[in-house]
Amino acid sequence: MKLQNNLRIFIVDDDPFWAAVLQQILSNLGYSNIYIFMSGEECLKHLHLNPVMVFLDYQMSSMDGLEVLHKIKDYFPGINVIFCTALEDISVAIEAINWGCSEYLLKSNANRKVLSNLLSQQNLVFN
């Protein structure tokens, strides 16, 4: 698959295992410009890099994903954000969608096919 080098993707998650799994799936899909941040604060400091997609965890220690989502959307409303969580909570999903996340992805459902479909829906897969 053709590498999507010019498309910058952020993974924001304080779980290094999940971040590595997600990075590997994205790499296998041809994305190579992937940044991993272990906190929302780290991500926010790097928004000037203009990612086209942010995979954002909900449950992080100092700032939860909803707070980070608000700040991302304040910075640039057009950034695609996929909210990633192990938490099956409809109220969190509704709030995330109301604040502008593109998708709400349960980590247990994340695999190559699902991520490929999500990226395709966001017009981030090119043949």
Protein backbone atom coordinates (compact mmCIF):
# COMPACT_ATOMS: atom_id res chain seq x y z
CA MET A 1 0.00 0.00 0.00
CA LYS A 2 1.16 3.50 -0.79
CA LEU A 3 2.55 5.39 2.22
CA GLN A 4 0.52 8.39 3.28
CA ASN A 5 3.59 10.33 4.46
CA ASN A 6 2.03 13.77 4.23
CA LEU A 7 -0.92 12.91 6.48
CA ARG A 8 0.01 13.62 10.09
CA ILE A 9 -1.86 11.49 12.63
CA PHE A 10 -1.79 11.90 16.42
CA ILE A 11 -2.42 9.10 18.90
CA VAL A 12 -3.17 10.44 22.38
CA ASP A 13 -3.26 7.72 25.02
CA ASP A 14 -1.50 7.07 28.32
CA ASP A 15 -1.48 3.31 27.66
CA PRO A 16 1.73 2.57 25.74
CA PHE A 17 0.51 -0.89 24.69
CA TRP A 18 -2.69 0.43 23.08
CA ALA A 19 -0.79 3.29 21.43
CA ALA A 20 1.70 0.81 19.96
CA VAL A 21 -1.07 -1.47 18.68
CA LEU A 22 -2.87 1.45 17.05
CA GLN A 23 0.36 2.75 15.55
CA GLN A 24 1.11 -0.68 14.08
CA ILE A 25 -2.35 -0.96 12.51
CA LEU A 26 -2.02 2.52 11.00
CA SER A 27 1.49 1.71 9.74
CA ASN A 28 0.15 -1.46 8.13
CA LEU A 29 -2.46 0.71 6.38
CA GLY A 30 0.35 2.83 4.91
CA TYR A 31 0.53 5.76 7.33
CA SER A 32 4.01 6.69 8.48
CA ASN A 33 3.70 10.21 9.91
CA ILE A 34 2.31 9.14 13.30
CA TYR A 35 2.94 10.96 16.56
CA ILE A 36 2.21 9.38 19.95
CA PHE A 37 1.46 11.54 22.99
CA MET A 38 1.03 10.11 26.46
CA SER A 39 -1.13 13.00 27.68
CA GLY A 40 -3.61 15.53 26.46
CA GLU A 41 -1.27 18.34 27.41
CA GLU A 42 1.48 16.93 25.15
CA CYS A 43 -0.97 16.71 22.26
CA LEU A 44 -2.19 20.27 22.74
CA LYS A 45 1.39 21.59 22.71
CA HIS A 46 1.85 20.04 19.26
CA LEU A 47 -1.39 21.03 17.51
CA HIS A 48 0.62 23.54 15.48
CA LEU A 49 1.81 20.48 13.49
CA ASN A 50 -1.73 20.38 12.06
CA PRO A 51 -2.71 16.71 12.24
CA VAL A 52 -5.45 15.53 9.91
CA MET A 53 -6.61 12.97 12.47
CA VAL A 54 -6.39 12.53 16.23
CA PHE A 55 -7.11 9.22 17.95
CA LEU A 56 -8.00 10.39 21.44
CA ASP A 57 -8.37 8.29 24.59
CA TYR A 58 -11.04 9.23 27.11
CA GLN A 59 -9.56 8.03 30.39
CA MET A 60 -6.22 9.75 30.98
CA SER A 61 -4.74 10.83 34.28
CA SER A 62 -4.46 14.62 34.35
CA MET A 63 -6.89 15.73 31.63
CA ASP A 64 -9.63 13.49 30.27
CA GLY A 65 -10.37 13.10 26.58
CA LEU A 66 -13.44 15.35 26.65
CA GLU A 67 -11.36 18.26 27.98
CA VAL A 68 -8.74 17.63 25.30
CA LEU A 69 -11.43 17.36 22.62
CA HIS A 70 -12.85 20.77 23.64
CA LYS A 71 -9.41 22.36 23.36
CA ILE A 72 -8.63 20.67 20.02
CA LYS A 73 -11.91 21.89 18.55
CA ASP A 74 -11.32 25.39 19.95
CA TYR A 75 -7.91 25.39 18.24
CA PHE A 76 -9.16 24.11 14.90
CA PRO A 77 -12.73 22.81 14.50
CA GLY A 78 -11.84 20.94 11.29
CA ILE A 79 -9.46 18.40 12.86
CA ASN A 80 -10.93 14.90 12.65
CA VAL A 81 -11.00 13.30 16.09
CA ILE A 82 -11.80 9.67 16.74
CA PHE A 83 -12.61 9.15 20.39
CA CYS A 84 -11.11 5.83 21.54
CA THR A 85 -12.06 4.22 24.81
CA ALA A 86 -12.61 0.95 26.59
CA LEU A 87 -15.55 2.60 28.36
CA GLU A 88 -19.00 1.79 27.03
CA ASP A 89 -20.82 4.89 28.29
CA ILE A 90 -23.51 6.37 26.08
CA SER A 91 -23.41 9.74 27.87
CA VAL A 92 -19.69 10.10 27.14
CA ALA A 93 -20.26 9.07 23.52
CA ILE A 94 -23.04 11.62 23.10
CA GLU A 95 -20.97 14.40 24.65
CA ALA A 96 -17.96 13.54 22.47
CA ILE A 97 -20.10 13.57 19.34
CA ASN A 98 -21.77 16.83 20.39
CA TRP A 99 -18.32 18.39 20.78
CA GLY A 100 -17.37 17.33 17.28
CA CYS A 101 -15.61 13.99 17.34
CA SER A 102 -15.94 12.10 14.08
CA GLU A 103 -16.38 8.67 15.62
CA TYR A 104 -16.58 6.90 18.97
CA LEU A 105 -14.44 3.76 18.79
CA LEU A 106 -14.43 1.08 21.45
CA LYS A 107 -10.87 -0.19 21.80
CA SER A 108 -12.12 -3.78 21.85
CA ASN A 109 -13.50 -3.25 18.32
CA ALA A 110 -10.34 -1.72 16.85
CA ASN A 111 -8.75 -3.75 14.08
CA ARG A 112 -7.34 -3.14 10.62
CA LYS A 113 -10.70 -3.40 8.84
CA VAL A 114 -12.52 -1.08 11.25
CA LEU A 115 -9.73 1.53 11.14
CA SER A 116 -9.52 1.33 7.37
CA ASN A 117 -13.27 1.96 7.17
CA LEU A 118 -13.06 4.88 9.60
CA LEU A 119 -10.22 6.48 7.69
CA SER A 120 -12.05 5.93 4.43
CA GLN A 121 -15.15 7.65 5.83
CA GLN A 122 -12.95 10.63 6.70
CA ASN A 123 -11.51 10.63 3.14
CA LEU A 124 -8.07 9.70 4.48
CA VAL A 125 -7.55 6.52 2.46
CA PHE A 126 -6.19 6.92 -1.04
CA ASN A 127 -5.76 4.17 -3.62
